[in-house]
N, C-alpha and C. Protein backbone atom coordinates (compact mmCIF):
# COMPACT_ATOMS: atom_id res chain seq x y z
N MET A 1 101.64 115.89 108.99
CA MET A 1 100.61 116.33 108.40
C MET A 1 99.36 116.24 109.17
N GLU A 2 98.82 117.39 109.49
CA GLU A 2 97.73 116.95 110.55
C GLU A 2 96.53 116.85 109.48
N GLY A 3 95.35 115.92 109.97
CA GLY A 3 94.25 115.89 109.17
C GLY A 3 94.39 114.38 108.20
N ARG A 4 95.50 113.83 107.91
CA ARG A 4 95.63 112.77 107.30
C ARG A 4 95.29 111.38 108.31
N LEU A 5 94.61 110.53 107.57
CA LEU A 5 94.00 109.58 108.25
C LEU A 5 95.02 108.32 108.05
N HIS A 6 95.52 107.55 109.17
CA HIS A 6 96.79 106.53 109.15
C HIS A 6 95.89 105.46 109.39
N TYR A 7 95.65 104.33 108.57
CA TYR A 7 95.05 103.09 108.74
C TYR A 7 95.97 101.93 108.91
N LYS A 8 95.72 101.11 109.64
CA LYS A 8 96.63 99.90 109.72
C LYS A 8 96.01 98.89 108.42
N ARG A 9 97.09 98.48 107.84
CA ARG A 9 96.67 97.48 106.77
C ARG A 9 96.22 96.27 107.23
N ARG A 10 95.21 95.68 106.84
CA ARG A 10 94.46 94.76 107.11
C ARG A 10 95.31 93.42 106.95
N PHE A 11 95.46 92.34 107.82
CA PHE A 11 96.27 91.38 107.77
C PHE A 11 95.63 90.23 106.91
N ARG A 12 96.22 89.80 105.97
CA ARG A 12 95.85 88.89 104.81
C ARG A 12 96.73 87.47 104.86
N PHE A 13 96.13 86.62 105.17
CA PHE A 13 96.81 85.22 105.37
C PHE A 13 96.87 84.59 103.84
N GLU A 14 98.16 84.43 103.36
CA GLU A 14 98.34 83.78 102.26
C GLU A 14 98.41 82.28 102.28
N LYS A 15 97.62 81.69 101.63
CA LYS A 15 97.72 79.96 101.65
C LYS A 15 98.90 79.28 101.33
N PHE A 16 99.66 80.04 100.33
CA PHE A 16 101.01 79.35 100.04
C PHE A 16 102.11 79.70 100.94
N TRP A 17 101.92 80.40 102.12
CA TRP A 17 102.90 80.59 103.01
C TRP A 17 102.93 79.04 103.77
N THR A 18 102.06 78.24 104.02
CA THR A 18 102.24 76.96 104.50
C THR A 18 103.10 76.25 103.93
N LYS A 19 103.19 76.47 102.34
CA LYS A 19 104.42 75.50 101.83
C LYS A 19 105.59 75.97 101.92
N LEU A 20 106.00 77.10 102.40
CA LEU A 20 107.26 77.92 102.49
C LEU A 20 108.06 77.44 103.57
N ASP A 21 109.14 77.32 103.43
CA ASP A 21 110.21 76.92 104.82
C ASP A 21 110.16 77.88 105.93
N GLY A 22 109.91 77.63 107.00
CA GLY A 22 110.27 78.34 108.20
C GLY A 22 108.71 78.84 108.49
N PHE A 23 107.65 78.48 107.72
CA PHE A 23 106.49 78.91 108.28
C PHE A 23 105.93 78.38 109.65
N LEU A 24 106.25 76.87 109.82
CA LEU A 24 105.82 76.39 111.31
C LEU A 24 106.79 77.17 112.47
N ASP A 25 107.88 77.31 112.05
CA ASP A 25 108.78 78.10 112.99
C ASP A 25 108.22 79.20 113.52
N VAL A 26 107.88 80.12 112.51
CA VAL A 26 107.36 81.59 112.69
C VAL A 26 106.10 81.44 113.59
N VAL A 27 105.11 80.34 113.45
CA VAL A 27 104.05 80.02 114.09
C VAL A 27 104.16 79.75 115.53
N LYS A 28 105.33 78.75 115.56
CA LYS A 28 105.54 78.09 116.96
C LYS A 28 106.27 79.39 117.93
N GLU A 29 107.07 80.05 117.26
CA GLU A 29 107.63 81.44 118.10
C GLU A 29 106.63 82.57 118.40
N ALA A 30 105.55 82.68 117.57
CA ALA A 30 104.62 83.60 117.83
C ALA A 30 103.51 83.27 118.63
N TRP A 31 103.44 82.00 119.10
CA TRP A 31 102.29 81.48 119.83
C TRP A 31 102.63 81.78 121.11
N VAL A 32 102.89 82.99 121.72
CA VAL A 32 103.18 82.92 123.08
C VAL A 32 102.42 84.13 123.70
N CYS A 33 101.87 84.03 124.97
CA CYS A 33 101.06 84.88 125.50
C CYS A 33 101.23 85.23 127.08
N ASP A 34 101.07 86.04 127.35
CA ASP A 34 101.41 86.64 128.86
C ASP A 34 100.34 85.77 129.80
N SER A 35 101.17 85.06 130.62
CA SER A 35 100.56 83.99 131.54
C SER A 35 99.56 84.79 132.67
N ASP A 36 99.62 86.01 132.85
CA ASP A 36 98.65 86.86 133.53
C ASP A 36 97.14 87.00 132.93
N ILE A 37 97.11 86.66 131.69
CA ILE A 37 95.90 86.87 130.72
C ILE A 37 95.14 85.21 131.15
N THR A 38 94.15 85.40 131.88
CA THR A 38 93.41 84.26 132.24
C THR A 38 91.92 84.02 131.33
N ASP A 39 91.53 85.21 130.87
CA ASP A 39 90.24 85.22 130.13
C ASP A 39 90.68 84.51 128.61
N PRO A 40 89.92 83.28 128.57
CA PRO A 40 90.25 82.63 127.29
C PRO A 40 90.03 83.34 125.72
N PHE A 41 89.10 84.25 125.93
CA PHE A 41 88.69 84.92 124.76
C PHE A 41 89.90 85.87 124.36
N HIS A 42 90.38 86.41 125.68
CA HIS A 42 91.25 87.52 125.40
C HIS A 42 92.86 87.00 125.04
N ARG A 43 92.82 85.79 125.64
CA ARG A 43 94.21 85.14 125.31
C ARG A 43 94.36 84.96 123.95
N LEU A 44 93.23 84.15 123.61
CA LEU A 44 92.87 83.76 122.02
C LEU A 44 93.37 84.90 121.15
N ASP A 45 92.63 86.16 121.59
CA ASP A 45 92.79 87.17 120.54
C ASP A 45 94.36 87.92 120.82
N VAL A 46 94.94 87.68 121.76
CA VAL A 46 96.56 88.12 121.87
C VAL A 46 97.45 87.10 121.04
N LEU A 47 97.00 85.70 121.42
CA LEU A 47 97.80 84.77 120.55
C LEU A 47 97.81 85.03 119.04
N LEU A 48 96.35 85.31 118.39
CA LEU A 48 96.11 85.37 117.23
C LEU A 48 96.71 86.80 116.48
N ARG A 49 96.56 87.83 117.32
CA ARG A 49 97.28 89.26 116.97
C ARG A 49 98.75 88.93 116.70
N ASN A 50 99.41 88.02 117.65
CA ASN A 50 100.66 87.87 117.66
C ASN A 50 101.24 86.90 116.44
N ILE A 51 100.51 86.19 116.08
CA ILE A 51 100.63 85.42 114.93
C ILE A 51 100.45 86.00 113.74
N ALA A 52 99.44 87.03 113.65
CA ALA A 52 99.22 87.93 112.60
C ALA A 52 100.61 88.85 112.33
N ARG A 53 100.74 89.52 113.30
CA ARG A 53 102.03 90.54 113.32
C ARG A 53 103.17 89.70 112.72
N ALA A 54 103.45 88.35 113.29
CA ALA A 54 104.72 87.63 112.94
C ALA A 54 104.77 87.20 111.57
N LEU A 55 103.59 86.60 111.11
CA LEU A 55 103.42 86.04 109.74
C LEU A 55 103.66 87.22 108.77
N ASP A 56 103.05 88.53 109.19
CA ASP A 56 102.96 89.53 108.12
C ASP A 56 104.32 89.77 107.97
N ALA A 57 105.21 90.20 108.93
CA ALA A 57 106.70 90.54 108.79
C ALA A 57 107.33 89.29 108.17
N TRP A 58 107.10 88.25 108.31
CA TRP A 58 108.14 87.09 107.64
C TRP A 58 107.61 87.04 106.36
N GLY A 59 106.27 87.02 106.09
CA GLY A 59 106.04 87.11 104.56
C GLY A 59 106.59 88.19 103.63
N GLN A 60 106.67 89.42 104.28
CA GLN A 60 107.36 90.33 103.62
C GLN A 60 108.94 90.11 103.53
N LYS A 61 109.52 89.64 104.38
CA LYS A 61 110.89 89.18 104.46
C LYS A 61 111.11 88.09 103.35
N LYS A 62 110.28 87.19 103.40
CA LYS A 62 110.30 85.74 102.69
C LYS A 62 110.03 86.06 101.30
N VAL A 63 109.06 86.64 101.07
CA VAL A 63 108.32 86.75 99.54
C VAL A 63 108.74 88.10 99.25
N GLY A 64 108.22 89.10 100.03
CA GLY A 64 108.04 90.51 99.61
C GLY A 64 107.09 90.82 98.67
N ASN A 65 107.22 91.78 97.86
CA ASN A 65 106.08 92.36 96.77
C ASN A 65 106.64 91.72 95.40
N ILE A 66 105.75 90.72 95.18
CA ILE A 66 105.81 89.76 93.98
C ILE A 66 105.90 90.65 92.67
N LYS A 67 104.85 91.51 92.59
CA LYS A 67 104.78 92.30 91.11
C LYS A 67 106.18 93.24 91.01
N LEU A 68 106.71 93.90 92.16
CA LEU A 68 107.87 94.48 92.07
C LEU A 68 109.16 93.61 91.62
N GLN A 69 109.26 92.41 92.20
CA GLN A 69 110.11 91.61 91.80
C GLN A 69 109.97 91.28 90.43
N ILE A 70 108.99 90.99 89.97
CA ILE A 70 108.83 90.31 88.48
C ILE A 70 108.98 91.68 87.63
N ALA A 71 108.81 92.67 88.07
CA ALA A 71 109.11 94.03 87.08
C ALA A 71 110.46 94.27 87.17
N VAL A 72 111.35 94.06 88.36
CA VAL A 72 112.65 94.48 88.33
C VAL A 72 113.38 93.35 87.53
N ALA A 73 113.04 92.12 87.73
CA ALA A 73 113.58 91.15 86.88
C ALA A 73 113.38 91.24 85.64
N ASN A 74 112.15 91.41 85.02
CA ASN A 74 111.86 91.78 83.59
C ASN A 74 112.81 92.83 83.09
N LEU A 75 113.23 93.96 83.91
CA LEU A 75 113.75 95.06 83.38
C LEU A 75 115.27 94.67 83.23
N VAL A 76 115.68 93.95 84.13
CA VAL A 76 117.05 93.46 83.98
C VAL A 76 117.21 92.41 82.77
N ILE A 77 116.25 91.39 82.52
CA ILE A 77 116.33 90.54 81.40
C ILE A 77 116.40 91.53 80.16
N MET A 78 115.33 92.57 79.95
CA MET A 78 115.09 93.35 78.89
C MET A 78 116.52 94.06 78.43
N GLN A 79 117.48 94.49 79.56
CA GLN A 79 118.55 95.16 79.39
C GLN A 79 119.68 94.23 78.85
N PHE A 80 119.56 92.78 79.40
CA PHE A 80 120.48 91.89 78.75
C PHE A 80 120.13 91.75 77.43
N ASP A 81 118.88 91.72 77.08
CA ASP A 81 118.37 91.62 75.61
C ASP A 81 118.92 92.77 74.70
N CYS A 82 118.94 93.95 75.17
CA CYS A 82 119.62 95.09 74.44
C CYS A 82 120.71 95.06 74.35
N VAL A 83 121.49 94.35 75.54
CA VAL A 83 123.20 94.40 75.21
C VAL A 83 123.41 93.15 74.28
N GLN A 84 122.69 92.20 74.32
CA GLN A 84 122.93 91.10 73.36
C GLN A 84 122.78 91.28 71.85
N GLU A 85 122.22 92.83 71.82
CA GLU A 85 122.02 92.79 70.34
C GLU A 85 123.42 93.43 69.61
N SER A 86 124.25 94.08 70.65
CA SER A 86 125.41 94.57 70.24
C SER A 86 126.46 93.95 70.55
N ARG A 87 126.36 92.93 71.46
CA ARG A 87 127.61 91.85 71.57
C ARG A 87 127.12 90.67 72.37
N LEU A 88 128.16 89.63 72.34
CA LEU A 88 127.73 88.49 73.14
C LEU A 88 127.71 88.93 74.21
N LEU A 89 126.91 88.06 75.18
CA LEU A 89 126.92 87.98 76.64
C LEU A 89 127.81 86.92 77.08
N SER A 90 128.55 87.28 78.35
CA SER A 90 129.43 86.33 78.96
C SER A 90 128.76 85.32 79.61
N GLU A 91 129.39 84.45 79.82
CA GLU A 91 128.92 83.01 80.62
C GLU A 91 128.12 83.45 81.79
N GLU A 92 128.62 84.48 82.86
CA GLU A 92 127.84 84.91 83.83
C GLU A 92 126.73 85.72 83.39
N GLU A 93 126.76 86.62 82.39
CA GLU A 93 125.41 87.21 81.83
C GLU A 93 124.45 86.39 81.67
N ARG A 94 124.79 85.24 80.66
CA ARG A 94 123.90 84.49 80.26
C ARG A 94 123.29 83.55 81.30
N GLY A 95 124.03 83.21 82.36
CA GLY A 95 123.50 82.29 83.60
C GLY A 95 122.59 83.07 84.16
N LEU A 96 122.95 84.39 84.47
CA LEU A 96 121.99 85.33 85.39
C LEU A 96 120.77 85.53 84.52
N ARG A 97 120.97 85.76 83.18
CA ARG A 97 119.61 85.97 82.33
C ARG A 97 118.60 84.58 82.51
N SER A 98 119.31 83.70 82.27
CA SER A 98 118.52 82.48 82.61
C SER A 98 118.03 82.19 83.80
N LYS A 99 118.72 82.51 84.96
CA LYS A 99 118.12 82.35 86.43
C LYS A 99 116.97 83.45 86.56
N LEU A 100 117.17 84.54 86.00
CA LEU A 100 116.20 85.45 86.32
C LEU A 100 114.78 85.07 85.59
N LYS A 101 115.03 84.45 84.42
CA LYS A 101 113.72 84.09 83.66
C LYS A 101 112.91 82.82 84.47
N HIS A 102 113.91 81.99 84.91
CA HIS A 102 113.12 80.97 86.04
C HIS A 102 112.47 81.71 86.88
N VAL A 103 113.14 82.73 87.63
CA VAL A 103 112.58 83.44 88.81
C VAL A 103 111.52 84.01 88.46
N VAL A 104 111.25 84.67 87.23
CA VAL A 104 110.03 85.38 86.72
C VAL A 104 108.99 84.33 86.72
N LEU A 105 109.48 83.09 86.21
CA LEU A 105 108.30 82.18 85.99
C LEU A 105 107.66 81.55 87.35
N GLY A 106 108.81 81.56 88.31
CA GLY A 106 108.15 80.91 89.74
C GLY A 106 107.44 81.97 90.37
N LEU A 107 107.95 83.33 90.18
CA LEU A 107 107.05 84.33 90.57
C LEU A 107 105.74 84.54 90.13
N ALA A 108 105.65 84.46 88.60
CA ALA A 108 104.27 84.43 88.24
C ALA A 108 103.32 83.32 88.51
N SER A 109 103.87 82.17 88.70
CA SER A 109 103.04 81.05 89.53
C SER A 109 102.53 81.36 90.62
N MET A 110 103.44 82.04 91.57
CA MET A 110 102.99 82.21 92.86
C MET A 110 101.94 83.51 92.81
N GLU A 111 101.99 84.43 91.85
CA GLU A 111 101.01 85.50 91.78
C GLU A 111 99.66 84.79 91.34
N ARG A 112 100.02 84.04 90.36
CA ARG A 112 98.62 83.33 90.01
C ARG A 112 97.92 82.55 91.19
N THR A 113 98.69 81.90 91.83
CA THR A 113 98.35 81.18 93.23
C THR A 113 97.50 82.07 93.97
N ILE A 114 98.22 83.27 94.34
CA ILE A 114 97.44 84.25 95.13
C ILE A 114 96.16 84.88 94.54
N ALA A 115 96.34 85.11 93.37
CA ALA A 115 95.21 85.85 92.66
C ALA A 115 93.82 84.62 92.81
N ARG A 116 94.34 83.40 92.52
CA ARG A 116 93.39 82.39 92.50
C ARG A 116 92.46 82.28 93.89
N GLN A 117 93.42 82.38 94.82
CA GLN A 117 93.04 82.36 96.24
C GLN A 117 91.93 83.56 96.56
N ARG A 118 92.51 84.61 96.21
CA ARG A 118 91.77 86.07 96.24
C ARG A 118 90.39 85.85 95.72
N SER A 119 90.37 85.17 94.28
CA SER A 119 89.24 85.12 93.76
C SER A 119 88.05 84.42 94.35
N ARG A 120 88.83 83.26 95.14
CA ARG A 120 87.77 82.45 95.71
C ARG A 120 87.11 83.12 96.96
N ILE A 121 87.84 84.01 97.47
CA ILE A 121 87.14 84.72 98.74
C ILE A 121 86.14 85.80 97.92
N THR A 122 86.60 86.43 96.87
CA THR A 122 85.86 87.19 95.99
C THR A 122 84.48 86.69 95.65
N CYS A 123 84.64 85.48 95.28
CA CYS A 123 83.58 84.47 94.76
C CYS A 123 82.55 84.27 95.79
N LEU A 124 83.05 84.26 96.83
CA LEU A 124 82.17 83.82 98.25
C LEU A 124 81.43 84.94 98.56
N GLN A 125 82.19 86.13 98.54
CA GLN A 125 81.37 87.40 98.90
C GLN A 125 80.38 87.70 97.83
N GLU A 126 80.71 87.47 96.61
CA GLU A 126 79.78 87.63 95.25
C GLU A 126 78.61 86.84 95.36
N GLY A 127 78.95 85.57 95.71
CA GLY A 127 78.07 84.57 95.99
C GLY A 127 76.88 84.96 96.90
N ASP A 128 77.25 85.65 98.04
CA ASP A 128 76.25 86.51 99.00
C ASP A 128 75.37 87.30 97.97
N ALA A 129 76.08 87.98 97.28
CA ALA A 129 75.10 88.98 96.70
C ALA A 129 74.47 88.30 95.58
N ASN A 130 74.90 87.19 94.88
CA ASN A 130 74.08 86.74 94.19
C ASN A 130 72.75 85.89 94.65
N SER A 131 72.99 85.48 95.88
CA SER A 131 71.72 84.93 96.61
C SER A 131 70.70 85.79 96.93
N GLN A 132 71.37 87.14 97.30
CA GLN A 132 70.42 88.24 97.54
C GLN A 132 69.61 88.51 96.46
N LEU A 133 70.20 88.55 95.05
CA LEU A 133 69.77 88.84 93.82
C LEU A 133 68.56 87.88 93.52
N PHE A 134 68.81 86.78 93.71
CA PHE A 134 68.00 85.61 93.54
C PHE A 134 66.89 85.68 94.68
N HIS A 135 67.02 86.09 95.61
CA HIS A 135 65.78 86.37 96.62
C HIS A 135 64.93 87.57 96.02
N LEU A 136 65.44 88.74 95.64
CA LEU A 136 64.72 89.71 95.20
C LEU A 136 64.08 89.41 93.94
N VAL A 137 64.60 88.60 93.05
CA VAL A 137 63.98 88.36 91.94
C VAL A 137 62.82 87.23 92.11
N ALA A 138 63.01 86.47 93.04
CA ALA A 138 61.81 85.39 93.47
C ALA A 138 60.77 86.11 94.26
N ASN A 139 61.06 87.20 95.08
CA ASN A 139 60.19 87.96 95.86
C ASN A 139 59.42 88.86 94.66
N GLY A 140 60.07 89.45 93.65
CA GLY A 140 59.34 90.03 92.73
C GLY A 140 58.41 89.25 91.75
N ARG A 141 58.94 87.95 91.54
CA ARG A 141 57.94 87.25 90.69
C ARG A 141 56.75 86.96 91.62
N ARG A 142 57.05 86.68 93.06
CA ARG A 142 55.73 86.25 93.72
C ARG A 142 54.69 87.65 93.75
N MET A 143 55.34 88.82 93.99
CA MET A 143 54.59 89.97 93.87
C MET A 143 53.91 90.16 92.53
N LYS A 144 54.61 89.78 91.47
CA LYS A 144 54.15 89.92 90.08
C LYS A 144 52.82 89.09 89.83
N ASN A 145 52.97 87.80 90.24
CA ASN A 145 52.11 86.67 90.26
C ASN A 145 50.64 86.92 91.27
N PHE A 146 51.13 87.96 92.35
CA PHE A 146 49.99 88.20 93.26
C PHE A 146 48.72 88.87 92.62
N ILE A 147 47.38 88.24 92.58
CA ILE A 147 46.26 89.00 92.32
C ILE A 147 45.46 89.77 93.35
N PRO A 148 45.70 90.87 93.45
CA PRO A 148 45.18 91.74 94.41
C PRO A 148 43.54 91.91 94.50
N ALA A 149 42.96 91.91 93.40
CA ALA A 149 41.41 91.69 93.42
C ALA A 149 41.03 91.17 91.73
N LEU A 150 40.06 90.94 91.76
CA LEU A 150 39.47 90.52 90.32
C LEU A 150 38.03 90.97 90.25
N GLN A 151 37.37 91.00 88.99
CA GLN A 151 36.32 91.38 88.86
C GLN A 151 35.58 90.26 88.29
N GLU A 152 34.12 89.77 88.94
CA GLU A 152 33.42 88.68 88.34
C GLU A 152 32.13 89.17 88.45
N GLY A 153 31.35 89.26 87.18
CA GLY A 153 29.97 89.68 87.17
C GLY A 153 29.63 91.11 87.72
N GLY A 154 30.62 92.01 87.43
CA GLY A 154 30.43 93.37 87.71
C GLY A 154 30.48 93.74 89.28
N GLN A 155 31.15 92.65 89.97
CA GLN A 155 31.60 92.78 91.47
C GLN A 155 33.14 92.36 91.60
N ILE A 156 33.72 93.28 92.32
CA ILE A 156 34.92 93.33 92.90
C ILE A 156 35.25 92.50 93.81
N ILE A 157 35.83 91.37 93.77
CA ILE A 157 36.21 90.30 94.81
C ILE A 157 37.69 90.73 95.33
N ALA A 158 38.16 91.01 96.54
CA ALA A 158 39.48 91.22 96.83
C ALA A 158 39.62 90.35 98.21
N ASP A 159 38.74 89.72 98.74
CA ASP A 159 39.11 88.81 99.75
C ASP A 159 39.77 87.30 99.34
N GLN A 160 40.70 86.65 100.20
CA GLN A 160 41.27 85.68 99.60
C GLN A 160 40.28 84.43 99.37
N GLN A 161 39.27 84.28 100.26
CA GLN A 161 38.24 83.29 100.23
C GLN A 161 37.54 83.52 98.76
N GLY A 162 36.96 84.52 98.60
CA GLY A 162 36.24 85.16 97.63
C GLY A 162 37.12 84.66 96.22
N LYS A 163 38.46 85.12 96.32
CA LYS A 163 39.04 84.81 95.03
C LYS A 163 39.28 83.44 94.65
N GLU A 164 39.48 82.54 95.44
CA GLU A 164 39.57 81.24 95.44
C GLU A 164 38.26 80.55 95.01
N GLU A 165 37.01 80.89 95.46
CA GLU A 165 35.91 80.39 94.87
C GLU A 165 35.63 80.82 93.36
N ALA A 166 35.69 82.13 93.21
CA ALA A 166 35.66 82.63 91.84
C ALA A 166 36.61 82.01 90.77
N PHE A 167 38.03 81.47 91.00
CA PHE A 167 38.68 80.73 90.27
C PHE A 167 38.20 79.31 90.06
N PHE A 168 37.82 78.72 91.27
CA PHE A 168 37.38 77.19 91.40
C PHE A 168 36.05 77.23 90.37
N ASP A 169 35.22 78.09 90.48
CA ASP A 169 33.98 78.22 89.74
C ASP A 169 34.48 78.22 88.31
N ALA A 170 35.17 79.19 87.97
CA ALA A 170 35.61 79.53 86.49
C ALA A 170 36.23 78.26 85.89
N TYR A 171 37.15 77.74 86.54
CA TYR A 171 37.64 76.41 85.79
C TYR A 171 36.95 75.22 85.98
N ARG A 172 35.92 75.29 86.86
CA ARG A 172 34.88 74.22 86.93
C ARG A 172 34.13 74.11 85.86
N ASP A 173 33.79 75.56 85.22
CA ASP A 173 32.78 75.53 84.26
C ASP A 173 33.75 75.45 82.85
N LEU A 174 35.13 75.63 82.95
CA LEU A 174 35.81 75.36 81.84
C LEU A 174 36.14 73.91 81.69
N LEU A 175 36.43 73.29 82.64
CA LEU A 175 36.62 71.85 82.54
C LEU A 175 35.47 70.82 82.40
N GLY A 176 34.37 71.18 83.03
CA GLY A 176 33.44 70.53 83.31
C GLY A 176 33.18 69.63 84.65
N ARG A 177 32.10 68.85 84.70
CA ARG A 177 32.00 68.02 85.95
C ARG A 177 32.43 66.62 85.72
N ASP A 178 32.82 66.09 86.77
CA ASP A 178 33.61 64.64 86.65
C ASP A 178 32.31 63.77 86.61
N GLU A 179 32.35 62.95 85.81
CA GLU A 179 30.86 61.51 85.70
C GLU A 179 31.92 60.36 85.65
N ALA A 180 31.11 59.45 86.09
CA ALA A 180 31.55 58.14 85.79
C ALA A 180 31.58 57.65 84.64
N ARG A 181 32.70 57.14 84.08
CA ARG A 181 32.57 56.54 82.61
C ARG A 181 32.20 55.14 82.52
N HIS A 182 31.56 54.94 81.48
CA HIS A 182 30.98 53.63 81.09
C HIS A 182 32.01 53.13 80.21
N LEU A 183 32.52 51.82 80.39
CA LEU A 183 33.44 51.37 79.58
C LEU A 183 32.66 50.22 78.73
N GLY A 184 32.79 50.64 77.37
CA GLY A 184 32.12 49.76 76.48
C GLY A 184 32.98 48.74 75.67
N CYS A 185 32.40 47.84 75.42
CA CYS A 185 33.23 46.84 74.66
C CYS A 185 32.70 46.55 73.29
């Protein structure tokens, strides 16, 4: 089909991969680069691309689509439950059902771990948005508190020095003058 855009799915490193067997082996095997590349930045780019490609493929083989696996396991468990209403399950069927329940619990735990990791990334991204909101509110408050001009005795004062003097005079009149106090006994 012409006109369809094909995009390469972005590589996403999953933190839990480091706990799985074979992770370090995949990294060691993928950390290779053509010796003709002498530019260190280009060399690092090639190495990281190789590792990303290898980890992506390894992750799909090792873990796969967790949501799909949970859905399939739950479907098989539900079918065992339906069969159990009409007859007793054999020893092998009960064992498989029990094993599938454990697999679903493990996959659900892994799914929560992934969601937690991704939510931290989202939280960091939203944190940037929150700080931008903070700055907008603070600047808005500063603009709201700004006094562009004031009127004193029928005269409009707009310059900073004049406003300062007008406020100083107004508060001095309100508060009075300072005088030395006499301590009486």
